[in-house]
Protein backbone atom coordinates (compact mmCIF):
# COMPACT_ATOMS: atom_id res chain seq x y z
CA MET A 1 33.74 25.35 -22.74
CA LYS A 2 30.38 25.15 -21.06
CA LYS A 3 30.33 25.60 -17.32
CA LYS A 4 28.61 22.25 -17.01
CA LEU A 5 31.70 20.57 -18.36
CA PHE A 6 33.58 19.27 -15.35
CA TYR A 7 37.35 19.34 -15.49
CA LEU A 8 38.26 16.03 -13.91
CA VAL A 9 41.17 13.68 -13.97
CA ILE A 10 42.04 10.18 -13.54
CA PRO A 11 44.64 9.42 -13.86
CA ALA A 12 47.05 7.01 -13.87
CA VAL A 13 45.64 3.23 -14.31
CA PHE A 14 45.58 3.15 -12.37
CA ALA A 15 46.40 3.12 -14.39
CA THR A 16 46.25 -1.58 -13.12
CA ALA A 17 46.97 0.90 -11.91
CA LEU A 18 47.01 2.54 -13.99
CA LEU A 19 49.76 2.18 -14.98
CA VAL A 20 52.48 4.16 -15.77
CA SER A 21 55.86 4.37 -17.50
CA CYS A 22 56.89 7.03 -19.89
CA LYS A 23 59.79 7.37 -22.29
CA LYS A 24 60.91 10.33 -20.18
CA ASP A 25 60.31 8.70 -16.78
CA LYS A 26 62.59 9.80 -13.99
CA PRO A 27 64.56 7.17 -12.03
CA LEU A 28 62.68 5.64 -9.15
CA THR A 29 62.78 7.94 -6.15
CA SER A 30 63.51 7.04 -2.55
CA GLU A 31 59.74 6.86 -2.07
CA SER A 32 59.33 3.98 -4.51
CA ASN A 33 59.70 0.27 -3.82
CA GLU A 34 62.78 -1.56 -4.97
CA VAL A 35 61.98 -4.36 -7.37
CA ALA A 36 62.12 -7.57 -5.34
CA THR A 37 60.90 -10.13 -7.86
CA THR A 38 62.50 -11.73 -10.89
CA LYS A 39 61.39 -13.03 -14.28
CA ASP A 40 62.39 -16.60 -13.43
CA GLY A 41 59.18 -18.35 -14.46
CA ALA A 42 56.55 -18.64 -17.17
CA GLN A 43 55.99 -15.43 -19.12
CA TYR A 44 52.52 -14.07 -19.90
CA VAL A 45 51.72 -11.25 -22.34
CA LEU A 46 48.91 -8.77 -21.68
CA ASP A 47 45.79 -9.21 -23.80
CA THR A 48 45.34 -5.51 -24.53
CA LEU A 49 41.95 -6.00 -26.20
CA ASN A 50 40.49 -7.48 -23.02
CA SER A 51 42.26 -5.33 -20.43
CA LYS A 52 41.55 -1.80 -19.24
CA ILE A 53 41.79 0.76 -16.45
CA GLU A 54 38.60 2.34 -15.16
CA TRP A 55 38.83 5.82 -13.64
CA LYS A 56 36.52 8.18 -11.81
CA GLY A 57 37.08 11.84 -10.94
CA TYR A 58 34.97 14.07 -8.72
CA LYS A 59 33.85 17.68 -8.60
CA VAL A 60 32.32 19.11 -5.43
CA PHE A 61 29.75 21.90 -5.32
CA LYS A 62 28.32 23.51 -2.20
CA SER A 63 25.31 21.23 -2.17
CA GLU A 64 26.28 18.23 -4.29
CA SER A 65 29.07 16.12 -5.72
CA THR A 66 29.28 15.09 -9.37
CA SER A 67 31.69 12.92 -11.28
CA HIS A 68 33.05 11.84 -14.64
CA PHE A 69 34.19 8.30 -15.28
CA GLY A 70 35.87 6.49 -18.13
CA THR A 71 38.58 4.12 -19.29
CA ILE A 72 42.20 3.91 -20.39
CA LYS A 73 43.55 1.16 -22.63
CA PHE A 74 46.86 -0.61 -22.23
CA GLU A 75 49.73 -0.34 -24.68
CA SER A 76 51.55 -3.42 -23.41
CA GLY A 77 52.28 -5.52 -20.36
CA ASP A 78 53.72 -8.76 -19.09
CA LEU A 79 53.41 -11.04 -16.07
CA THR A 80 55.65 -13.74 -14.64
CA VAL A 81 54.19 -16.86 -13.01
CA LYS A 82 56.29 -19.28 -10.96
CA ASP A 83 55.03 -22.52 -9.45
CA GLY A 84 51.49 -21.58 -10.42
CA LYS A 85 51.56 -18.23 -8.63
CA LEU A 86 51.91 -14.64 -9.83
CA GLU A 87 55.49 -13.50 -9.27
CA SER A 88 55.87 -10.07 -10.91
CA GLY A 89 54.68 -7.92 -13.78
CA LYS A 90 54.35 -4.54 -15.40
CA PHE A 91 51.46 -2.79 -17.16
CA VAL A 92 51.93 0.14 -19.54
CA ALA A 93 48.89 2.34 -20.18
CA ASP A 94 48.27 4.30 -23.39
CA MET A 95 47.34 7.74 -22.06
CA GLY A 96 46.21 8.80 -25.51
CA SER A 97 43.31 6.34 -25.17
CA LEU A 98 41.95 8.12 -22.08
CA THR A 99 38.26 8.80 -22.57
CA SER A 100 35.11 9.60 -20.63
CA VAL A 101 32.33 7.00 -20.70
CA ASP A 102 29.59 9.12 -19.13
CA LEU A 103 29.79 11.61 -22.03
CA LYS A 104 29.86 9.01 -24.81
CA ASP A 105 26.49 10.17 -26.13
CA ASP A 106 27.52 13.84 -26.32
CA ALA A 107 30.28 14.05 -28.91
CA ASP A 108 30.90 17.77 -28.44
CA GLN A 109 31.29 17.66 -24.67
CA LEU A 110 33.24 14.40 -24.88
CA GLY A 111 35.77 15.92 -27.25
CA LYS A 112 36.22 18.98 -25.05
CA LEU A 113 36.71 16.98 -21.85
CA ASN A 114 39.06 14.42 -23.42
CA GLY A 115 41.10 17.17 -25.04
CA HIS A 116 41.43 19.06 -21.77
CA LEU A 117 42.44 15.96 -19.80
CA LYS A 118 45.19 15.26 -22.35
CA SER A 119 46.45 18.86 -22.33
CA GLY A 120 49.17 20.52 -20.26
CA ASP A 121 46.60 21.35 -17.57
CA PHE A 122 46.36 17.66 -16.72
CA PHE A 123 48.31 14.71 -18.16
CA GLU A 124 50.39 16.31 -20.94
CA VAL A 125 49.87 13.26 -23.13
CA GLU A 126 52.04 14.59 -25.95
CA LYS A 127 55.00 14.75 -23.54
CA PHE A 128 54.04 11.73 -21.39
CA PRO A 129 52.26 9.28 -23.74
CA THR A 130 52.30 6.36 -21.32
CA ALA A 131 51.87 5.57 -17.65
CA SER A 132 52.78 2.35 -15.82
CA TYR A 133 52.42 0.14 -12.78
CA GLU A 134 55.21 -2.29 -11.97
CA ILE A 135 54.54 -5.05 -9.44
CA THR A 136 57.42 -5.46 -7.01
CA LYS A 137 55.92 -7.83 -4.44
CA VAL A 138 53.03 -10.30 -4.42
CA THR A 139 51.55 -11.44 -1.09
CA PRO A 140 48.61 -13.83 -0.58
CA ALA A 141 45.77 -12.31 1.45
CA ALA A 142 43.99 -14.61 3.90
CA GLU A 143 41.10 -12.28 4.72
CA GLY A 144 38.70 -10.02 2.86
CA ASP A 145 37.19 -10.12 -0.61
CA TYR A 146 40.54 -10.01 -2.44
CA ASN A 147 43.01 -12.91 -2.43
CA THR A 148 46.21 -10.97 -3.14
CA LEU A 149 48.12 -7.84 -2.12
CA LEU A 150 50.18 -6.21 -4.88
CA ASP A 151 52.96 -3.82 -3.94
CA GLY A 152 54.39 -1.79 -6.77
CA ASN A 153 55.41 1.49 -8.34
CA LEU A 154 52.92 3.74 -10.13
CA THR A 155 54.37 6.25 -12.59
CA ILE A 156 52.39 9.17 -14.02
CA LYS A 157 53.92 12.16 -15.84
CA GLY A 158 57.41 10.84 -15.03
CA ILE A 159 56.73 10.82 -11.28
CA THR A 160 56.95 7.47 -9.48
CA LYS A 161 55.23 6.63 -6.20
CA PRO A 162 54.72 3.33 -4.34
CA LEU A 163 51.19 1.97 -4.47
CA GLN A 164 49.63 -1.10 -2.86
CA LEU A 165 46.58 -2.66 -4.47
CA LYS A 166 44.19 -5.35 -3.28
CA ALA A 167 43.38 -7.73 -6.11
CA ASN A 168 41.74 -10.96 -7.10
CA VAL A 169 44.37 -12.93 -9.02
CA SER A 170 43.53 -16.07 -10.96
CA VAL A 171 46.17 -18.29 -12.58
CA LYS A 172 44.73 -20.95 -14.87
CA GLU A 173 46.22 -23.00 -17.64
CA GLY A 174 47.56 -20.51 -20.16
CA GLU A 175 45.83 -17.46 -18.64
CA VAL A 176 46.21 -14.99 -15.77
CA SER A 177 43.60 -12.45 -14.71
CA VAL A 178 44.05 -9.59 -12.25
CA ALA A 179 41.13 -7.47 -10.99
CA THR A 180 41.94 -4.80 -8.42
CA GLU A 181 39.79 -3.15 -5.79
CA PRO A 182 38.96 0.49 -6.62
CA LYS A 183 41.83 2.59 -5.26
CA ASP A 184 42.04 6.34 -4.66
CA ILE A 185 45.24 8.12 -5.64
CA LYS A 186 46.10 11.78 -5.10
CA ARG A 187 46.52 13.38 -8.50
CA GLU A 188 48.53 16.33 -7.16
CA GLU A 189 51.29 13.94 -6.07
CA PHE A 190 51.79 13.23 -9.78
CA GLY A 191 51.91 16.85 -10.86
CA VAL A 192 48.23 17.14 -11.86
CA LYS A 193 47.22 20.28 -9.98
CA PHE A 194 44.73 22.07 -12.24
CA GLN A 195 41.68 23.70 -10.64
CA ALA A 196 38.76 25.28 -12.47
CA PRO A 197 37.50 28.72 -11.38
CA ALA A 198 36.01 28.55 -7.89
CA GLU A 199 32.49 29.34 -9.09
CA ASN A 200 32.55 26.12 -11.15
CA GLY A 201 33.17 23.89 -8.14
CA VAL A 202 36.24 22.26 -6.64
CA ILE A 203 37.95 19.30 -8.32
CA LYS A 204 38.87 16.73 -5.69
CA ASP A 205 42.47 15.61 -5.36
CA GLU A 206 41.41 11.96 -5.16
CA VAL A 207 40.92 9.98 -8.34
CA THR A 208 39.65 6.40 -8.22
CA LEU A 209 41.39 3.75 -10.34
CA GLN A 210 40.47 0.12 -10.94
CA VAL A 211 42.51 -2.27 -13.07
CA ASN A 212 41.21 -5.31 -14.92
CA VAL A 213 43.75 -7.24 -16.96
CA LYS A 214 44.03 -10.55 -18.72
CA ALA A 215 47.33 -12.07 -19.83
CA LEU A 216 48.04 -15.10 -22.03
CA GLU A 217 51.02 -17.43 -21.72
CA LYS A 218 53.80 -16.63 -24.13
CA LYS A 219 54.41 -19.54 -26.49
């Protein structure tokens, strides 16, 4: 691999975000939120073609900082709306869809980076094919650019941690959209601890996730 190839991560996506439940997930730990909402309301199904997680990872050199950024698609998801307001929900991300956008015009480098991110050094996609974010509490926000606070549990590589997201939530007839503020997570908390050789720069622990989802009412 060329030295100019930066070994970066996202996650998780957040992912929305990002995202993350796996077939081999561990039970929620004492650090995670207990689910406080129910599915007593109208059910909405995630429109996976029009929903995604955006991620950005960073590498720091002595005199500069560089980054890779990309997307993760969703495998599935659902939301519950009661009395016209978002009540609860869960998003499941397809970690196999993780890809870099900044390298899209360099097929060779793109393949190397994507392959490394999906390997045992990072997200072990073969072992942990999905990630998830489950909303446990929804609170209206009176101030700031985002109208809602989402409390929930983010799961990456079978490790679950509580995560609060600021979001703009829109509930219209037959459709719900959720767009979160970019949020930094610490990848090492989810077992992603790889570092490249020191001469190639330091990979930051923080990874930025942003979730944009659309859900349609279940008929």
